Amino acid sequence: MDDLPTAQLEALRDLARKKTGAAVPFVNISAARALTDLGLAERSQEGWDITPAGAAYLARQGGPPSEA
């Protein structure tokens, strides 16, 4: 998979932080939808969640999510 656009990468990092229980800003809806189409996120009752594929993508991009 190629590099994600900045908005999608930031949304994916937010979803990774959300999974750890951290408070995150509202996730960009269009970015989250694109991540869902790529299999990197999934829709949930709380909005969107990162998938194992999304976590693996972040790991390949240099490790843990950055703090925003």
C-alpha atoms as a PDB file:
ATOM      1  CA  MET A   1       0.000   0.000   0.000  1.00  0.00           C
ATOM      2  CA  ASP A   2       1.307   3.428  -0.889  1.00  0.00           C
ATOM      3  CA  ASP A   3       1.643   6.322   1.522  1.00  0.00           C
ATOM      4  CA  LEU A   4      -1.615   7.750   2.788  1.00  0.00           C
ATOM      5  CA  PRO A   5      -2.526  11.404   2.322  1.00  0.00           C
ATOM      6  CA  THR A   6      -1.776  13.505   5.395  1.00  0.00           C
ATOM      7  CA  ALA A   7      -5.426  13.752   6.519  1.00  0.00           C
ATOM      8  CA  GLN A   8      -5.860   9.984   6.378  1.00  0.00           C
ATOM      9  CA  LEU A   9      -2.593   9.331   8.207  1.00  0.00           C
ATOM     10  CA  GLU A  10      -3.557  11.799  10.945  1.00  0.00           C
ATOM     11  CA  ALA A  11      -6.989  10.162  11.257  1.00  0.00           C
ATOM     12  CA  LEU A  12      -5.371   6.721  11.500  1.00  0.00           C
ATOM     13  CA  ARG A  13      -3.027   7.965  14.226  1.00  0.00           C
ATOM     14  CA  ASP A  14      -6.017   9.443  16.086  1.00  0.00           C
ATOM     15  CA  LEU A  15      -7.803   6.092  15.872  1.00  0.00           C
ATOM     16  CA  ALA A  16      -4.715   4.338  17.238  1.00  0.00           C
ATOM     17  CA  ARG A  17      -4.610   6.738  20.203  1.00  0.00           C
ATOM     18  CA  LYS A  18      -8.369   6.285  20.687  1.00  0.00           C
ATOM     19  CA  LYS A  19      -7.825   2.523  20.959  1.00  0.00           C
ATOM     20  CA  THR A  20      -5.470   3.114  23.893  1.00  0.00           C
ATOM     21  CA  GLY A  21      -8.160   5.126  25.659  1.00  0.00           C
ATOM     22  CA  ALA A  22      -6.672   8.535  24.971  1.00  0.00           C
ATOM     23  CA  ALA A  23      -8.946  11.468  24.259  1.00  0.00           C
ATOM     24  CA  VAL A  24      -8.764  12.383  20.581  1.00  0.00           C
ATOM     25  CA  PRO A  25     -10.291  15.171  18.506  1.00  0.00           C
ATOM     26  CA  PHE A  26     -13.139  14.481  16.139  1.00  0.00           C
ATOM     27  CA  VAL A  27     -11.935  12.263  13.328  1.00  0.00           C
ATOM     28  CA  ASN A  28     -12.165  13.654   9.804  1.00  0.00           C
ATOM     29  CA  ILE A  29     -15.192  11.822   8.386  1.00  0.00           C
ATOM     30  CA  SER A  30     -14.007  11.679   4.789  1.00  0.00           C
ATOM     31  CA  ALA A  31     -10.588  10.412   5.897  1.00  0.00           C
ATOM     32  CA  ALA A  32     -12.202   7.778   8.119  1.00  0.00           C
ATOM     33  CA  ARG A  33     -14.426   6.626   5.253  1.00  0.00           C
ATOM     34  CA  ALA A  34     -11.397   6.314   2.993  1.00  0.00           C
ATOM     35  CA  LEU A  35      -9.572   4.322   5.686  1.00  0.00           C
ATOM     36  CA  THR A  36     -12.605   2.042   5.946  1.00  0.00           C
ATOM     37  CA  ASP A  37     -12.525   1.465   2.184  1.00  0.00           C
ATOM     38  CA  LEU A  38      -8.843   0.499   2.525  1.00  0.00           C
ATOM     39  CA  GLY A  39      -9.553  -1.869   5.432  1.00  0.00           C
ATOM     40  CA  LEU A  40      -7.504   0.227   7.871  1.00  0.00           C
ATOM     41  CA  ALA A  41     -10.518   1.306   9.957  1.00  0.00           C
ATOM     42  CA  GLU A  42     -14.038   0.096  10.609  1.00  0.00           C
ATOM     43  CA  ARG A  43     -17.288   1.759  11.615  1.00  0.00           C
ATOM     44  CA  SER A  44     -18.394   1.207  15.213  1.00  0.00           C
ATOM     45  CA  GLN A  45     -20.986   2.547  17.613  1.00  0.00           C
ATOM     46  CA  GLU A  46     -18.382   5.061  18.815  1.00  0.00           C
ATOM     47  CA  GLY A  47     -17.557   6.271  15.307  1.00  0.00           C
ATOM     48  CA  TRP A  48     -14.557   4.530  13.762  1.00  0.00           C
ATOM     49  CA  ASP A  49     -11.981   2.104  15.121  1.00  0.00           C
ATOM     50  CA  ILE A  50      -8.575   1.134  13.813  1.00  0.00           C
ATOM     51  CA  THR A  51      -8.308  -2.410  12.441  1.00  0.00           C
ATOM     52  CA  PRO A  52      -5.345  -4.761  12.871  1.00  0.00           C
ATOM     53  CA  ALA A  53      -4.376  -3.867   9.298  1.00  0.00           C
ATOM     54  CA  GLY A  54      -4.430  -0.182  10.260  1.00  0.00           C
ATOM     55  CA  ALA A  55      -2.222  -0.808  13.283  1.00  0.00           C
ATOM     56  CA  ALA A  56       0.191  -2.805  11.116  1.00  0.00           C
ATOM     57  CA  TYR A  57       0.297   0.024   8.571  1.00  0.00           C
ATOM     58  CA  LEU A  58       1.238   2.507  11.309  1.00  0.00           C
ATOM     59  CA  ALA A  59       3.914   0.154  12.611  1.00  0.00           C
ATOM     60  CA  ARG A  60       5.454  -0.014   9.131  1.00  0.00           C
ATOM     61  CA  GLN A  61       5.407   3.798   8.951  1.00  0.00           C
ATOM     62  CA  GLY A  62       7.713   4.203  11.912  1.00  0.00           C
ATOM     63  CA  GLY A  63       6.170   2.835  15.027  1.00  0.00           C
ATOM     64  CA  PRO A  64       3.700   4.227  17.513  1.00  0.00           C
ATOM     65  CA  PRO A  65       1.317   7.034  16.650  1.00  0.00           C
ATOM     66  CA  SER A  66       2.613  10.551  17.092  1.00  0.00           C
ATOM     67  CA  GLU A  67       1.044  12.880  19.634  1.00  0.00           C
ATOM     68  CA  ALA A  68      -0.966  15.660  18.063  1.00  0.00           C
END
